[in-house]
């Protein structure tokens, strides 16, 4: 294949049809888990949230970026995060950046979970989130299976 001119390489096929473009496959896979368990506009809202978040994170280090201070200001207390990290006996020292990174990761996790619970509440024509909305949102996607022992399936 290396001996073909670049413009002819695009038309090469295998038994299943044209060879997929590596970038297209990568882009499609990036948001595979994001829309899991969601349909219609809820899926689009979640994908848009993640696209904007990724753009924000990528531009954080650019000089003059409006998001430059996002990692410095967070709504979760770093001392508490550090304390939780130290509950692991194998953790002896924690760098200054680690709690900041964990705080941002927790904020993103909480936001996504809230958005998914909001989708469930809205599907049930309610405006107030309930415990069951969170449980139902977690059940719709297998990426939250790690919470199966923590969040009961049927909340009363």
C-alpha atoms as a PDB file:
ATOM      1  CA  UNK A   1       0.000   0.000   0.000  1.00  0.00           C
ATOM      2  CA  UNK A   2       2.904   2.354   0.556  1.00  0.00           C
ATOM      3  CA  UNK A   3       3.661   2.406  -3.150  1.00  0.00           C
ATOM      4  CA  UNK A   4       0.290   3.966  -4.052  1.00  0.00           C
ATOM      5  CA  UNK A   5      -0.098   7.726  -4.337  1.00  0.00           C
ATOM      6  CA  UNK A   6      -1.813   9.312  -1.345  1.00  0.00           C
ATOM      7  CA  UNK A   7      -5.008  10.100  -3.279  1.00  0.00           C
ATOM      8  CA  UNK A   8      -5.454   6.434  -4.285  1.00  0.00           C
ATOM      9  CA  UNK A   9      -5.112   5.143  -0.723  1.00  0.00           C
ATOM     10  CA  UNK A  10      -8.508   6.555   0.221  1.00  0.00           C
ATOM     11  CA  UNK A  11     -10.307   4.317  -2.265  1.00  0.00           C
ATOM     12  CA  UNK A  12      -8.777   1.053  -1.024  1.00  0.00           C
ATOM     13  CA  UNK A  13     -11.369  -1.385   0.303  1.00  0.00           C
ATOM     14  CA  UNK A  14     -11.444  -4.647   2.168  1.00  0.00           C
ATOM     15  CA  UNK A  15     -14.107  -7.372   1.992  1.00  0.00           C
ATOM     16  CA  UNK A  16     -16.496  -5.318   4.148  1.00  0.00           C
ATOM     17  CA  UNK A  17     -16.252  -2.121   2.081  1.00  0.00           C
ATOM     18  CA  UNK A  18     -14.075   0.982   2.424  1.00  0.00           C
ATOM     19  CA  UNK A  19     -11.498   0.934   5.184  1.00  0.00           C
ATOM     20  CA  UNK A  20     -12.613   3.180   8.063  1.00  0.00           C
ATOM     21  CA  UNK A  21     -10.719   6.378   8.619  1.00  0.00           C
ATOM     22  CA  UNK A  22      -8.805   6.083  11.924  1.00  0.00           C
ATOM     23  CA  UNK A  23      -9.749   9.609  13.020  1.00  0.00           C
ATOM     24  CA  UNK A  24     -13.472   9.007  12.416  1.00  0.00           C
ATOM     25  CA  UNK A  25     -13.371   5.788  14.463  1.00  0.00           C
ATOM     26  CA  UNK A  26     -11.510   7.526  17.278  1.00  0.00           C
ATOM     27  CA  UNK A  27     -13.985  10.423  17.339  1.00  0.00           C
ATOM     28  CA  UNK A  28     -16.983   8.063  17.368  1.00  0.00           C
ATOM     29  CA  UNK A  29     -15.481   6.014  20.218  1.00  0.00           C
ATOM     30  CA  UNK A  30     -14.690   9.087  22.328  1.00  0.00           C
ATOM     31  CA  UNK A  31     -18.372   9.720  23.020  1.00  0.00           C
ATOM     32  CA  UNK A  32     -19.541   6.074  23.044  1.00  0.00           C
ATOM     33  CA  UNK A  33     -19.978   5.881  26.834  1.00  0.00           C
ATOM     34  CA  UNK A  34     -21.270   9.437  27.098  1.00  0.00           C
ATOM     35  CA  UNK A  35     -24.588   8.684  25.429  1.00  0.00           C
ATOM     36  CA  UNK A  36     -25.008   5.257  26.998  1.00  0.00           C
ATOM     37  CA  UNK A  37     -28.519   4.838  28.392  1.00  0.00           C
ATOM     38  CA  UNK A  38     -29.705   8.133  26.899  1.00  0.00           C
ATOM     39  CA  UNK A  39     -31.781   8.835  23.810  1.00  0.00           C
ATOM     40  CA  UNK A  40     -32.840  11.807  21.742  1.00  0.00           C
ATOM     41  CA  UNK A  41     -32.162  15.278  23.025  1.00  0.00           C
ATOM     42  CA  UNK A  42     -30.857  13.981  26.370  1.00  0.00           C
ATOM     43  CA  UNK A  43     -28.095  12.156  24.521  1.00  0.00           C
ATOM     44  CA  UNK A  44     -27.302  15.308  22.534  1.00  0.00           C
ATOM     45  CA  UNK A  45     -27.216  17.437  25.707  1.00  0.00           C
ATOM     46  CA  UNK A  46     -24.761  15.032  27.368  1.00  0.00           C
ATOM     47  CA  UNK A  47     -22.522  14.848  24.294  1.00  0.00           C
ATOM     48  CA  UNK A  48     -22.534  18.650  24.054  1.00  0.00           C
ATOM     49  CA  UNK A  49     -21.627  18.913  27.764  1.00  0.00           C
ATOM     50  CA  UNK A  50     -18.628  16.618  27.267  1.00  0.00           C
ATOM     51  CA  UNK A  51     -17.523  18.374  24.080  1.00  0.00           C
ATOM     52  CA  UNK A  52     -17.579  21.734  25.862  1.00  0.00           C
ATOM     53  CA  UNK A  53     -15.805  20.268  28.894  1.00  0.00           C
ATOM     54  CA  UNK A  54     -13.053  18.772  26.746  1.00  0.00           C
ATOM     55  CA  UNK A  55     -12.622  22.077  24.901  1.00  0.00           C
ATOM     56  CA  UNK A  56     -12.451  23.899  28.249  1.00  0.00           C
ATOM     57  CA  UNK A  57      -9.835  21.512  29.627  1.00  0.00           C
ATOM     58  CA  UNK A  58      -7.746  21.658  26.446  1.00  0.00           C
ATOM     59  CA  UNK A  59      -7.734  25.453  26.480  1.00  0.00           C
ATOM     60  CA  UNK A  60      -7.015  25.742  30.221  1.00  0.00           C
ATOM     61  CA  UNK A  61      -3.263  26.077  29.718  1.00  0.00           C
ATOM     62  CA  UNK A  62      -3.468  28.529  26.828  1.00  0.00           C
ATOM     63  CA  UNK A  63      -2.307  32.041  27.791  1.00  0.00           C
ATOM     64  CA  UNK A  64      -5.240  34.403  28.240  1.00  0.00           C
ATOM     65  CA  UNK A  65      -7.785  31.571  28.362  1.00  0.00           C
ATOM     66  CA  UNK A  66     -11.018  32.323  30.208  1.00  0.00           C
ATOM     67  CA  UNK A  67     -10.707  28.881  31.854  1.00  0.00           C
ATOM     68  CA  UNK A  68      -7.151  29.374  33.116  1.00  0.00           C
ATOM     69  CA  UNK A  69      -8.141  29.622  36.790  1.00  0.00           C
ATOM     70  CA  UNK A  70     -10.720  26.803  36.741  1.00  0.00           C
ATOM     71  CA  UNK A  71      -8.417  24.322  38.441  1.00  0.00           C
ATOM     72  CA  UNK A  72      -7.540  26.832  41.153  1.00  0.00           C
ATOM     73  CA  UNK A  73     -11.144  27.484  42.151  1.00  0.00           C
ATOM     74  CA  UNK A  74     -13.270  24.485  43.058  1.00  0.00           C
ATOM     75  CA  UNK A  75     -16.299  23.811  45.150  1.00  0.00           C
ATOM     76  CA  UNK A  76     -14.947  20.779  47.026  1.00  0.00           C
ATOM     77  CA  UNK A  77     -12.620  21.268  50.023  1.00  0.00           C
ATOM     78  CA  UNK A  78      -9.079  20.143  49.228  1.00  0.00           C
ATOM     79  CA  UNK A  79      -8.340  19.313  52.879  1.00  0.00           C
ATOM     80  CA  UNK A  80     -11.207  16.815  52.925  1.00  0.00           C
ATOM     81  CA  UNK A  81     -10.075  15.254  49.643  1.00  0.00           C
ATOM     82  CA  UNK A  82      -6.548  14.943  51.016  1.00  0.00           C
ATOM     83  CA  UNK A  83      -7.931  13.340  54.183  1.00  0.00           C
ATOM     84  CA  UNK A  84      -9.865  10.765  52.137  1.00  0.00           C
ATOM     85  CA  UNK A  85      -6.771  10.028  50.057  1.00  0.00           C
ATOM     86  CA  UNK A  86      -4.761   9.421  53.238  1.00  0.00           C
ATOM     87  CA  UNK A  87      -7.225   6.767  54.431  1.00  0.00           C
ATOM     88  CA  UNK A  88      -5.333   4.388  52.147  1.00  0.00           C
ATOM     89  CA  UNK A  89      -2.481   2.955  54.229  1.00  0.00           C
ATOM     90  CA  UNK A  90      -0.187   2.808  51.184  1.00  0.00           C
ATOM     91  CA  UNK A  91      -0.436   6.566  50.601  1.00  0.00           C
ATOM     92  CA  UNK A  92       2.340   8.346  52.477  1.00  0.00           C
ATOM     93  CA  UNK A  93       2.724  11.637  50.645  1.00  0.00           C
ATOM     94  CA  UNK A  94       0.382  13.544  48.355  1.00  0.00           C
ATOM     95  CA  UNK A  95       1.561  16.115  45.838  1.00  0.00           C
ATOM     96  CA  UNK A  96      -0.109  19.507  45.766  1.00  0.00           C
ATOM     97  CA  UNK A  97      -1.668  18.846  42.358  1.00  0.00           C
ATOM     98  CA  UNK A  98      -3.321  15.514  43.242  1.00  0.00           C
ATOM     99  CA  UNK A  99      -6.166  16.894  45.421  1.00  0.00           C
ATOM    100  CA  UNK A 100      -6.839  19.614  42.832  1.00  0.00           C
ATOM    101  CA  UNK A 101      -7.136  17.000  40.099  1.00  0.00           C
ATOM    102  CA  UNK A 102      -9.375  14.799  42.264  1.00  0.00           C
ATOM    103  CA  UNK A 103     -11.573  17.811  43.101  1.00  0.00           C
ATOM    104  CA  UNK A 104     -12.088  18.546  39.409  1.00  0.00           C
ATOM    105  CA  UNK A 105     -12.777  14.871  38.656  1.00  0.00           C
ATOM    106  CA  UNK A 106     -15.358  14.753  41.471  1.00  0.00           C
ATOM    107  CA  UNK A 107     -17.048  17.907  40.179  1.00  0.00           C
ATOM    108  CA  UNK A 108     -17.293  16.397  36.690  1.00  0.00           C
ATOM    109  CA  UNK A 109     -18.649  13.105  38.076  1.00  0.00           C
ATOM    110  CA  UNK A 110     -21.264  14.880  40.206  1.00  0.00           C
ATOM    111  CA  UNK A 111     -22.315  17.076  37.276  1.00  0.00           C
ATOM    112  CA  UNK A 112     -22.753  14.110  34.932  1.00  0.00           C
ATOM    113  CA  UNK A 113     -24.682  12.117  37.517  1.00  0.00           C
ATOM    114  CA  UNK A 114     -26.924  15.119  38.208  1.00  0.00           C
ATOM    115  CA  UNK A 115     -27.560  15.631  34.501  1.00  0.00           C
ATOM    116  CA  UNK A 116     -28.479  11.968  34.041  1.00  0.00           C
ATOM    117  CA  UNK A 117     -30.810  12.079  37.069  1.00  0.00           C
ATOM    118  CA  UNK A 118     -32.374  15.263  35.668  1.00  0.00           C
ATOM    119  CA  UNK A 119     -33.084  13.378  32.415  1.00  0.00           C
ATOM    120  CA  UNK A 120     -34.916  10.679  34.386  1.00  0.00           C
ATOM    121  CA  UNK A 121     -36.911  13.259  36.375  1.00  0.00           C
ATOM    122  CA  UNK A 122     -37.856  15.133  33.217  1.00  0.00           C
ATOM    123  CA  UNK A 123     -38.915  11.898  31.475  1.00  0.00           C
ATOM    124  CA  UNK A 124     -41.248  11.358  34.449  1.00  0.00           C
ATOM    125  CA  UNK A 125     -42.531  14.932  34.036  1.00  0.00           C
ATOM    126  CA  UNK A 126     -41.069  16.147  37.321  1.00  0.00           C
ATOM    127  CA  UNK A 127     -38.877  19.132  38.093  1.00  0.00           C
ATOM    128  CA  UNK A 128     -37.484  17.906  41.410  1.00  0.00           C
ATOM    129  CA  UNK A 129     -34.757  15.261  41.590  1.00  0.00           C
ATOM    130  CA  UNK A 130     -35.470  12.299  43.827  1.00  0.00           C
ATOM    131  CA  UNK A 131     -33.237   9.508  45.118  1.00  0.00           C
ATOM    132  CA  UNK A 132     -34.905   7.105  42.711  1.00  0.00           C
ATOM    133  CA  UNK A 133     -33.935   9.333  39.757  1.00  0.00           C
ATOM    134  CA  UNK A 134     -30.279   8.913  40.680  1.00  0.00           C
ATOM    135  CA  UNK A 135     -30.676   5.147  41.099  1.00  0.00           C
ATOM    136  CA  UNK A 136     -32.504   4.894  37.754  1.00  0.00           C
ATOM    137  CA  UNK A 137     -29.883   7.033  36.008  1.00  0.00           C
ATOM    138  CA  UNK A 138     -27.115   4.771  37.310  1.00  0.00           C
ATOM    139  CA  UNK A 139     -28.924   1.653  36.081  1.00  0.00           C
ATOM    140  CA  UNK A 140     -29.210   2.962  32.523  1.00  0.00           C
ATOM    141  CA  UNK A 141     -25.456   2.851  31.903  1.00  0.00           C
ATOM    142  CA  UNK A 142     -23.064   0.030  32.705  1.00  0.00           C
ATOM    143  CA  UNK A 143     -20.210   2.479  33.277  1.00  0.00           C
ATOM    144  CA  UNK A 144     -21.744   3.099  36.722  1.00  0.00           C
ATOM    145  CA  UNK A 145     -21.769  -0.587  37.671  1.00  0.00           C
ATOM    146  CA  UNK A 146     -19.022   0.073  40.220  1.00  0.00           C
ATOM    147  CA  UNK A 147     -21.697   1.815  42.343  1.00  0.00           C
ATOM    148  CA  UNK A 148     -24.043  -1.180  42.373  1.00  0.00           C
ATOM    149  CA  UNK A 149     -23.241  -2.054  46.012  1.00  0.00           C
ATOM    150  CA  UNK A 150     -23.455   1.564  47.175  1.00  0.00           C
ATOM    151  CA  UNK A 151     -26.663   2.806  45.539  1.00  0.00           C
ATOM    152  CA  UNK A 152     -29.706   0.582  46.089  1.00  0.00           C
ATOM    153  CA  UNK A 153     -31.728  -0.238  42.970  1.00  0.00           C
ATOM    154  CA  UNK A 154     -35.124   0.508  44.478  1.00  0.00           C
ATOM    155  CA  UNK A 155     -35.105   3.510  46.755  1.00  0.00           C
ATOM    156  CA  UNK A 156     -38.226   4.009  48.841  1.00  0.00           C
END
